[in-house]
Amino acid sequence: SGVISGLVNRGDVVFSDQLNHASIVDG
């Protein structure tokens, strides 16, 4: 959650596998 929210913000996009862990989704 800390790394993803620290690297991207509004105006950015995250491409995430549908079965990724909940911590990735929440990030």
PDB file of all heavy atoms in Angstrom:
ATOM      1  N   SER A   1       0.828  -1.204   0.000  1.00  0.00           N
ATOM      2  CA  SER A   1       0.000   0.000   0.000  1.00  0.00           C
ATOM      3  C   SER A   1       0.863   1.255   0.000  1.00  0.00           C
ATOM      4  O   SER A   1       0.535   2.252  -0.660  1.00  0.00           O
ATOM      5  CB  SER A   1      -0.954   0.001   1.205  1.00  0.00           C
ATOM      6  OG  SER A   1      -0.232  -0.029   2.426  1.00  0.00           O
ATOM      7  N   GLY A   2       1.993   1.215   0.697  1.00  0.00           N
ATOM      8  CA  GLY A   2       2.855   2.388   0.776  1.00  0.00           C
ATOM      9  C   GLY A   2       3.624   2.658  -0.498  1.00  0.00           C
ATOM     10  O   GLY A   2       3.750   3.812  -0.931  1.00  0.00           O
ATOM     11  N   VAL A   3       4.112   1.610  -1.143  1.00  0.00           N
ATOM     12  CA  VAL A   3       4.902   1.788  -2.359  1.00  0.00           C
ATOM     13  C   VAL A   3       4.025   2.267  -3.513  1.00  0.00           C
ATOM     14  O   VAL A   3       4.362   3.225  -4.222  1.00  0.00           O
ATOM     15  CB  VAL A   3       5.624   0.481  -2.736  1.00  0.00           C
ATOM     16  CG1 VAL A   3       6.242   0.584  -4.115  1.00  0.00           C
ATOM     17  CG2 VAL A   3       6.691   0.163  -1.698  1.00  0.00           C
ATOM     18  N   ILE A   4       2.887   1.604  -3.708  1.00  0.00           N
ATOM     19  CA  ILE A   4       2.029   1.975  -4.832  1.00  0.00           C
ATOM     20  C   ILE A   4       1.505   3.396  -4.670  1.00  0.00           C
ATOM     21  O   ILE A   4       1.567   4.211  -5.605  1.00  0.00           O
ATOM     22  CB  ILE A   4       0.868   0.973  -4.974  1.00  0.00           C
ATOM     23  CG1 ILE A   4       1.424  -0.397  -5.356  1.00  0.00           C
ATOM     24  CG2 ILE A   4      -0.144   1.453  -6.018  1.00  0.00           C
ATOM     25  CD1 ILE A   4       0.396  -1.523  -5.314  1.00  0.00           C
ATOM     26  N   SER A   5       1.022   3.726  -3.473  1.00  0.00           N
ATOM     27  CA  SER A   5       0.506   5.082  -3.263  1.00  0.00           C
ATOM     28  C   SER A   5       1.618   6.120  -3.252  1.00  0.00           C
ATOM     29  O   SER A   5       1.358   7.311  -3.468  1.00  0.00           O
ATOM     30  CB  SER A   5      -0.285   5.148  -1.950  1.00  0.00           C
ATOM     31  OG  SER A   5       0.540   4.825  -0.844  1.00  0.00           O
ATOM     32  N   GLY A   6       2.864   5.684  -3.030  1.00  0.00           N
ATOM     33  CA  GLY A   6       3.984   6.615  -3.073  1.00  0.00           C
ATOM     34  C   GLY A   6       4.508   6.873  -4.471  1.00  0.00           C
ATOM     35  O   GLY A   6       5.139   7.897  -4.732  1.00  0.00           O
ATOM     36  N   LEU A   7       4.232   5.940  -5.395  1.00  0.00           N
ATOM     37  CA  LEU A   7       4.774   6.065  -6.750  1.00  0.00           C
ATOM     38  C   LEU A   7       3.805   6.696  -7.743  1.00  0.00           C
ATOM     39  O   LEU A   7       4.233   7.316  -8.716  1.00  0.00           O
ATOM     40  CB  LEU A   7       5.185   4.682  -7.268  1.00  0.00           C
ATOM     41  CG  LEU A   7       6.436   4.062  -6.658  1.00  0.00           C
ATOM     42  CD1 LEU A   7       6.638   2.655  -7.200  1.00  0.00           C
ATOM     43  CD2 LEU A   7       7.666   4.913  -6.933  1.00  0.00           C
ATOM     44  N   VAL A   8       2.503   6.468  -7.548  1.00  0.00           N
ATOM     45  CA  VAL A   8       1.520   6.974  -8.506  1.00  0.00           C
ATOM     46  C   VAL A   8       0.440   7.753  -7.778  1.00  0.00           C
ATOM     47  O   VAL A   8       0.205   7.583  -6.580  1.00  0.00           O
ATOM     48  CB  VAL A   8       0.886   5.832  -9.330  1.00  0.00           C
ATOM     49  CG1 VAL A   8       1.916   5.191 -10.249  1.00  0.00           C
ATOM     50  CG2 VAL A   8       0.260   4.782  -8.413  1.00  0.00           C
ATOM     51  N   ASN A   9      -0.250   8.600  -8.543  1.00  0.00           N
ATOM     52  CA  ASN A   9      -1.278   9.464  -7.965  1.00  0.00           C
ATOM     53  C   ASN A   9      -2.302   9.758  -9.045  1.00  0.00           C
ATOM     54  O   ASN A   9      -2.323   9.112 -10.093  1.00  0.00           O
ATOM     55  CB  ASN A   9      -0.631  10.747  -7.425  1.00  0.00           C
ATOM     56  CG  ASN A   9      -1.403  11.349  -6.270  1.00  0.00           C
ATOM     57  OD1 ASN A   9      -2.589  11.607  -6.379  1.00  0.00           O
ATOM     58  ND2 ASN A   9      -0.712  11.582  -5.155  1.00  0.00           N
ATOM     59  N   ARG A  10      -3.110  10.783  -8.813  1.00  0.00           N
ATOM     60  CA  ARG A  10      -4.065  11.200  -9.841  1.00  0.00           C
ATOM     61  C   ARG A  10      -3.313  11.531 -11.134  1.00  0.00           C
ATOM     62  O   ARG A  10      -2.254  12.138 -11.109  1.00  0.00           O
ATOM     63  CB  ARG A  10      -4.844  12.422  -9.374  1.00  0.00           C
ATOM     64  CG  ARG A  10      -5.879  12.141  -8.296  1.00  0.00           C
ATOM     65  CD  ARG A  10      -6.791  13.341  -8.094  1.00  0.00           C
ATOM     66  NE  ARG A  10      -7.795  13.085  -7.076  1.00  0.00           N
ATOM     67  CZ  ARG A  10      -7.698  13.445  -5.802  1.00  0.00           C
ATOM     68  NH1 ARG A  10      -6.628  14.112  -5.401  1.00  0.00           N
ATOM     69  NH2 ARG A  10      -8.651  13.173  -4.942  1.00  0.00           N
ATOM     70  N   GLY A  11      -3.901  11.128 -12.247  1.00  0.00           N
ATOM     71  CA  GLY A  11      -3.246  11.334 -13.529  1.00  0.00           C
ATOM     72  C   GLY A  11      -2.385  10.172 -13.965  1.00  0.00           C
ATOM     73  O   GLY A  11      -1.888  10.148 -15.094  1.00  0.00           O
ATOM     74  N   ASP A  12      -2.188   9.176 -13.070  1.00  0.00           N
ATOM     75  CA  ASP A  12      -1.393   7.997 -13.377  1.00  0.00           C
ATOM     76  C   ASP A  12      -2.313   6.784 -13.503  1.00  0.00           C
ATOM     77  O   ASP A  12      -3.523   6.864 -13.249  1.00  0.00           O
ATOM     78  CB  ASP A  12      -0.352   7.757 -12.287  1.00  0.00           C
ATOM     79  CG  ASP A  12       0.557   8.960 -12.073  1.00  0.00           C
ATOM     80  OD1 ASP A  12       0.857   9.641 -13.070  1.00  0.00           O
ATOM     81  OD2 ASP A  12       0.958   9.221 -10.918  1.00  0.00           O
ATOM     82  N   VAL A  13      -1.749   5.636 -13.856  1.00  0.00           N
ATOM     83  CA  VAL A  13      -2.548   4.420 -14.002  1.00  0.00           C
ATOM     84  C   VAL A  13      -1.740   3.228 -13.514  1.00  0.00           C
ATOM     85  O   VAL A  13      -0.532   3.141 -13.732  1.00  0.00           O
ATOM     86  CB  VAL A  13      -3.008   4.223 -15.470  1.00  0.00           C
ATOM     87  CG1 VAL A  13      -1.815   4.179 -16.419  1.00  0.00           C
ATOM     88  CG2 VAL A  13      -3.868   2.971 -15.618  1.00  0.00           C
ATOM     89  N   VAL A  14      -2.443   2.312 -12.840  1.00  0.00           N
ATOM     90  CA  VAL A  14      -1.844   1.055 -12.381  1.00  0.00           C
ATOM     91  C   VAL A  14      -2.531  -0.093 -13.097  1.00  0.00           C
ATOM     92  O   VAL A  14      -3.763  -0.199 -13.093  1.00  0.00           O
ATOM     93  CB  VAL A  14      -1.988   0.873 -10.862  1.00  0.00           C
ATOM     94  CG1 VAL A  14      -1.342  -0.445 -10.428  1.00  0.00           C
ATOM     95  CG2 VAL A  14      -1.374   2.039 -10.110  1.00  0.00           C
ATOM     96  N   PHE A  15      -1.735  -0.962 -13.710  1.00  0.00           N
ATOM     97  CA  PHE A  15      -2.234  -2.152 -14.385  1.00  0.00           C
ATOM     98  C   PHE A  15      -2.001  -3.335 -13.447  1.00  0.00           C
ATOM     99  O   PHE A  15      -0.856  -3.685 -13.154  1.00  0.00           O
ATOM    100  CB  PHE A  15      -1.516  -2.355 -15.710  1.00  0.00           C
ATOM    101  CG  PHE A  15      -1.634  -1.171 -16.638  1.00  0.00           C
ATOM    102  CD1 PHE A  15      -0.677  -0.165 -16.611  1.00  0.00           C
ATOM    103  CD2 PHE A  15      -2.700  -1.053 -17.506  1.00  0.00           C
ATOM    104  CE1 PHE A  15      -0.777   0.941 -17.446  1.00  0.00           C
ATOM    105  CE2 PHE A  15      -2.817   0.049 -18.339  1.00  0.00           C
ATOM    106  CZ  PHE A  15      -1.859   1.046 -18.313  1.00  0.00           C
ATOM    107  N   SER A  16      -3.085  -3.925 -12.982  1.00  0.00           N
ATOM    108  CA  SER A  16      -3.007  -4.920 -11.921  1.00  0.00           C
ATOM    109  C   SER A  16      -3.762  -6.185 -12.307  1.00  0.00           C
ATOM    110  O   SER A  16      -4.903  -6.115 -12.787  1.00  0.00           O
ATOM    111  CB  SER A  16      -3.596  -4.327 -10.629  1.00  0.00           C
ATOM    112  OG  SER A  16      -3.672  -5.291  -9.605  1.00  0.00           O
ATOM    113  N   ASP A  17      -3.129  -7.346 -12.121  1.00  0.00           N
ATOM    114  CA  ASP A  17      -3.789  -8.617 -12.369  1.00  0.00           C
ATOM    115  C   ASP A  17      -5.034  -8.745 -11.479  1.00  0.00           C
ATOM    116  O   ASP A  17      -5.015  -8.368 -10.314  1.00  0.00           O
ATOM    117  CB  ASP A  17      -2.819  -9.774 -12.078  1.00  0.00           C
ATOM    118  CG  ASP A  17      -3.339 -11.116 -12.549  1.00  0.00           C
ATOM    119  OD1 ASP A  17      -4.310 -11.622 -11.965  1.00  0.00           O
ATOM    120  OD2 ASP A  17      -2.767 -11.667 -13.514  1.00  0.00           O
ATOM    121  N   GLN A  18      -6.108  -9.290 -12.027  1.00  0.00           N
ATOM    122  CA  GLN A  18      -7.353  -9.393 -11.279  1.00  0.00           C
ATOM    123  C   GLN A  18      -7.247 -10.257 -10.030  1.00  0.00           C
ATOM    124  O   GLN A  18      -8.060 -10.120  -9.121  1.00  0.00           O
ATOM    125  CB  GLN A  18      -8.469  -9.940 -12.183  1.00  0.00           C
ATOM    126  CG  GLN A  18      -9.034  -8.907 -13.146  1.00  0.00           C
ATOM    127  CD  GLN A  18     -10.234  -9.441 -13.912  1.00  0.00           C
ATOM    128  OE1 GLN A  18     -10.344 -10.649 -14.153  1.00  0.00           O
ATOM    129  NE2 GLN A  18     -11.131  -8.556 -14.311  1.00  0.00           N
ATOM    130  N   LEU A  19      -6.262 -11.136  -9.967  1.00  0.00           N
ATOM    131  CA  LEU A  19      -6.116 -12.002  -8.794  1.00  0.00           C
ATOM    132  C   LEU A  19      -5.001 -11.535  -7.865  1.00  0.00           C
ATOM    133  O   LEU A  19      -4.590 -12.281  -6.963  1.00  0.00           O
ATOM    134  CB  LEU A  19      -5.873 -13.448  -9.233  1.00  0.00           C
ATOM    135  CG  LEU A  19      -7.022 -14.122  -9.989  1.00  0.00           C
ATOM    136  CD1 LEU A  19      -6.724 -15.612 -10.185  1.00  0.00           C
ATOM    137  CD2 LEU A  19      -8.355 -13.942  -9.273  1.00  0.00           C
ATOM    138  N   ASN A  20      -4.517 -10.312  -8.037  1.00  0.00           N
ATOM    139  CA  ASN A  20      -3.505  -9.786  -7.128  1.00  0.00           C
ATOM    140  C   ASN A  20      -4.037  -9.700  -5.699  1.00  0.00           C
ATOM    141  O   ASN A  20      -5.241  -9.573  -5.466  1.00  0.00           O
ATOM    142  CB  ASN A  20      -3.052  -8.393  -7.580  1.00  0.00           C
ATOM    143  CG  ASN A  20      -1.978  -8.425  -8.625  1.00  0.00           C
ATOM    144  OD1 ASN A  20      -1.291  -9.436  -8.806  1.00  0.00           O
ATOM    145  ND2 ASN A  20      -1.791  -7.326  -9.326  1.00  0.00           N
ATOM    146  N   HIS A  21      -3.114  -9.717  -4.766  1.00  0.00           N
ATOM    147  CA  HIS A  21      -3.455  -9.666  -3.343  1.00  0.00           C
ATOM    148  C   HIS A  21      -4.188  -8.375  -2.987  1.00  0.00           C
ATOM    149  O   HIS A  21      -4.003  -7.334  -3.625  1.00  0.00           O
ATOM    150  CB  HIS A  21      -2.175  -9.782  -2.502  1.00  0.00           C
ATOM    151  CG  HIS A  21      -2.428 -10.017  -1.061  1.00  0.00           C
ATOM    152  ND1 HIS A  21      -2.473  -8.989  -0.136  1.00  0.00           N
ATOM    153  CD2 HIS A  21      -2.660 -11.163  -0.363  1.00  0.00           C
ATOM    154  CE1 HIS A  21      -2.709  -9.493   1.059  1.00  0.00           C
ATOM    155  NE2 HIS A  21      -2.820 -10.808   0.958  1.00  0.00           N
ATOM    156  N   ALA A  22      -5.021  -8.457  -1.945  1.00  0.00           N
ATOM    157  CA  ALA A  22      -5.817  -7.306  -1.515  1.00  0.00           C
ATOM    158  C   ALA A  22      -4.955  -6.098  -1.156  1.00  0.00           C
ATOM    159  O   ALA A  22      -5.393  -4.950  -1.324  1.00  0.00           O
ATOM    160  CB  ALA A  22      -6.685  -7.698  -0.317  1.00  0.00           C
ATOM    161  N   SER A  23      -3.748  -6.325  -0.677  1.00  0.00           N
ATOM    162  CA  SER A  23      -2.873  -5.205  -0.308  1.00  0.00           C
ATOM    163  C   SER A  23      -2.478  -4.398  -1.540  1.00  0.00           C
ATOM    164  O   SER A  23      -2.276  -3.178  -1.454  1.00  0.00           O
ATOM    165  CB  SER A  23      -1.623  -5.714   0.407  1.00  0.00           C
ATOM    166  OG  SER A  23      -0.908  -6.636  -0.408  1.00  0.00           O
ATOM    167  N   ILE A  24      -2.370  -5.057  -2.680  1.00  0.00           N
ATOM    168  CA  ILE A  24      -2.081  -4.350  -3.927  1.00  0.00           C
ATOM    169  C   ILE A  24      -3.301  -3.544  -4.351  1.00  0.00           C
ATOM    170  O   ILE A  24      -3.190  -2.366  -4.717  1.00  0.00           O
ATOM    171  CB  ILE A  24      -1.673  -5.346  -5.029  1.00  0.00           C
ATOM    172  CG1 ILE A  24      -0.324  -5.996  -4.676  1.00  0.00           C
ATOM    173  CG2 ILE A  24      -1.604  -4.663  -6.393  1.00  0.00           C
ATOM    174  CD1 ILE A  24       0.089  -7.110  -5.619  1.00  0.00           C
ATOM    175  N   VAL A  25      -4.467  -4.162  -4.289  1.00  0.00           N
ATOM    176  CA  VAL A  25      -5.710  -3.474  -4.649  1.00  0.00           C
ATOM    177  C   VAL A  25      -5.897  -2.230  -3.783  1.00  0.00           C
ATOM    178  O   VAL A  25      -6.206  -1.138  -4.282  1.00  0.00           O
ATOM    179  CB  VAL A  25      -6.910  -4.423  -4.498  1.00  0.00           C
ATOM    180  CG1 VAL A  25      -8.218  -3.682  -4.764  1.00  0.00           C
ATOM    181  CG2 VAL A  25      -6.776  -5.613  -5.442  1.00  0.00           C
ATOM    182  N   ASP A  26      -5.701  -2.380  -2.492  1.00  0.00           N
ATOM    183  CA  ASP A  26      -5.889  -1.246  -1.588  1.00  0.00           C
ATOM    184  C   ASP A  26      -4.841  -0.169  -1.815  1.00  0.00           C
ATOM    185  O   ASP A  26      -5.112   1.025  -1.649  1.00  0.00           O
ATOM    186  CB  ASP A  26      -5.867  -1.719  -0.138  1.00  0.00           C
ATOM    187  CG  ASP A  26      -7.108  -2.516   0.223  1.00  0.00           C
ATOM    188  OD1 ASP A  26      -8.005  -2.646  -0.634  1.00  0.00           O
ATOM    189  OD2 ASP A  26      -7.193  -3.019   1.356  1.00  0.00           O
ATOM    190  N   GLY A  27      -3.621  -0.576  -2.189  1.00  0.00           N
ATOM    191  CA  GLY A  27      -2.595   0.409  -2.515  1.00  0.00           C
ATOM    192  C   GLY A  27      -2.993   1.261  -3.702  1.00  0.00           C
ATOM    193  O   GLY A  27      -2.766   2.489  -3.720  1.00  0.00           O
TER     194      GLY A  27
END
